[in-house]
Amino acid sequence: MAHSALLGSRISLISKRDIRYEGKLYSINQEDATVALQSVRSYGTEVRIPSGTAGHVPAQTAVHEYLLFRGCDIKDLHVHDPVPDPKEAPPADPAILS
């Protein structure tokens, strides 16, 4: 599946520091090797680095509008909810506003 088909999908990303981020895929730049997410929450290191140990990062309640990640610093990336196939979109009907 082409990466453009994944734009808007809900993504979980784990950085090399074991911090998990979750947001919507906004862009993938192959030239710069970057991934941008929008409406991003940080869930911290969770159980990957236990609380009270060096390197533990707690979760944040803030939602970041956009975060840009370097591809070389991404340990894992998971697509949770792919954007629906355009073939499954509602019919073209003037009664539908959005």
Protein backbone atom coordinates (compact mmCIF):
# COMPACT_ATOMS: atom_id res chain seq x y z
CA MET A 1 0.00 0.00 0.00
CA ALA A 2 1.41 3.40 -0.95
CA HIS A 3 2.16 5.69 1.97
CA SER A 4 -0.20 8.35 0.54
CA ALA A 5 -3.08 5.92 1.11
CA LEU A 6 -2.17 5.91 4.82
CA LEU A 7 -2.38 9.70 5.29
CA GLY A 8 -4.94 10.44 8.01
CA SER A 9 -4.56 6.98 9.56
CA ARG A 10 -4.13 6.63 13.33
CA ILE A 11 -0.50 5.75 14.00
CA SER A 12 1.47 4.59 17.05
CA LEU A 13 5.16 5.37 16.88
CA ILE A 14 7.86 4.32 19.34
CA SER A 15 11.06 6.34 19.33
CA LYS A 16 14.52 4.96 20.03
CA ARG A 17 14.11 6.39 23.56
CA ASP A 18 11.14 4.00 23.95
CA ILE A 19 8.60 6.84 24.11
CA ARG A 20 5.27 6.03 22.43
CA TYR A 21 3.44 8.71 20.45
CA GLU A 22 0.03 8.39 18.86
CA GLY A 23 -1.55 10.65 16.28
CA LYS A 24 -2.80 10.92 12.71
CA LEU A 25 -0.31 10.45 9.91
CA TYR A 26 0.13 13.87 8.30
CA SER A 27 3.04 13.28 5.94
CA ILE A 28 5.98 11.08 5.01
CA ASN A 29 8.94 12.81 3.39
CA GLN A 30 11.17 10.24 1.73
CA GLU A 31 13.86 12.79 0.78
CA ASP A 32 14.28 14.06 4.37
CA ALA A 33 13.42 10.66 5.89
CA THR A 34 10.82 12.21 8.20
CA VAL A 35 7.33 11.30 9.43
CA ALA A 36 4.89 13.99 10.60
CA LEU A 37 1.94 13.26 12.90
CA GLN A 38 -0.86 15.62 13.85
CA SER A 39 -2.99 15.71 17.02
CA VAL A 40 -0.23 13.83 18.83
CA ARG A 41 -0.22 12.50 22.40
CA SER A 42 2.84 11.20 24.18
CA TYR A 43 2.28 8.11 26.30
CA GLY A 44 5.83 8.15 27.67
CA THR A 45 7.87 5.02 28.07
CA GLU A 46 4.97 3.10 29.69
CA VAL A 47 6.28 -0.32 30.84
CA ARG A 48 9.20 -0.38 28.40
CA ILE A 49 11.19 1.58 31.03
CA PRO A 50 9.57 1.12 34.47
CA SER A 51 8.59 4.10 36.59
CA GLY A 52 11.27 5.13 39.05
CA THR A 53 14.14 3.92 36.87
CA ALA A 54 16.59 5.99 34.85
CA GLY A 55 15.20 6.86 31.44
CA HIS A 56 11.52 6.62 32.43
CA VAL A 57 9.39 9.31 30.77
CA PRO A 58 5.83 9.81 32.07
CA ALA A 59 2.83 10.22 29.78
CA GLN A 60 1.66 13.74 28.95
CA THR A 61 -1.90 15.04 28.89
CA ALA A 62 -1.14 17.69 26.25
CA VAL A 63 -2.10 17.13 22.64
CA HIS A 64 0.54 18.50 20.27
CA GLU A 65 -0.77 19.96 17.03
CA TYR A 66 2.08 18.50 14.93
CA LEU A 67 5.31 16.63 15.64
CA LEU A 68 7.98 15.83 13.04
CA PHE A 69 10.09 12.70 13.61
CA ARG A 70 13.39 11.69 12.01
CA GLY A 71 13.04 8.27 10.45
CA CYS A 72 16.36 7.10 11.91
CA ASP A 73 15.01 7.73 15.43
CA ILE A 74 11.85 5.64 14.95
CA LYS A 75 12.06 2.19 16.53
CA ASP A 76 8.55 0.98 15.61
CA LEU A 77 5.54 2.31 13.71
CA HIS A 78 2.08 0.72 13.75
CA VAL A 79 -1.00 1.67 11.70
CA HIS A 80 -4.12 1.25 13.86
CA ASP A 81 -6.93 2.51 11.68
CA PRO A 82 -6.25 2.85 7.97
CA VAL A 83 -8.26 5.53 6.23
CA PRO A 84 -11.33 3.94 4.57
CA ASP A 85 -11.00 3.10 0.90
CA PRO A 86 -12.47 5.93 -1.22
CA LYS A 87 -14.58 3.27 -2.96
CA GLU A 88 -16.44 2.91 0.34
CA ALA A 89 -17.20 6.63 0.65
CA PRO A 90 -20.82 7.74 0.82
CA PRO A 91 -22.49 8.32 -2.52
CA ALA A 92 -22.31 11.71 -4.21
CA ASP A 93 -25.51 13.22 -2.86
CA PRO A 94 -26.24 16.97 -2.60
CA ALA A 95 -27.99 16.27 0.71
CA ILE A 96 -24.60 15.36 2.31
CA LEU A 97 -22.78 18.47 3.50
CA SER A 98 -19.65 16.79 4.83
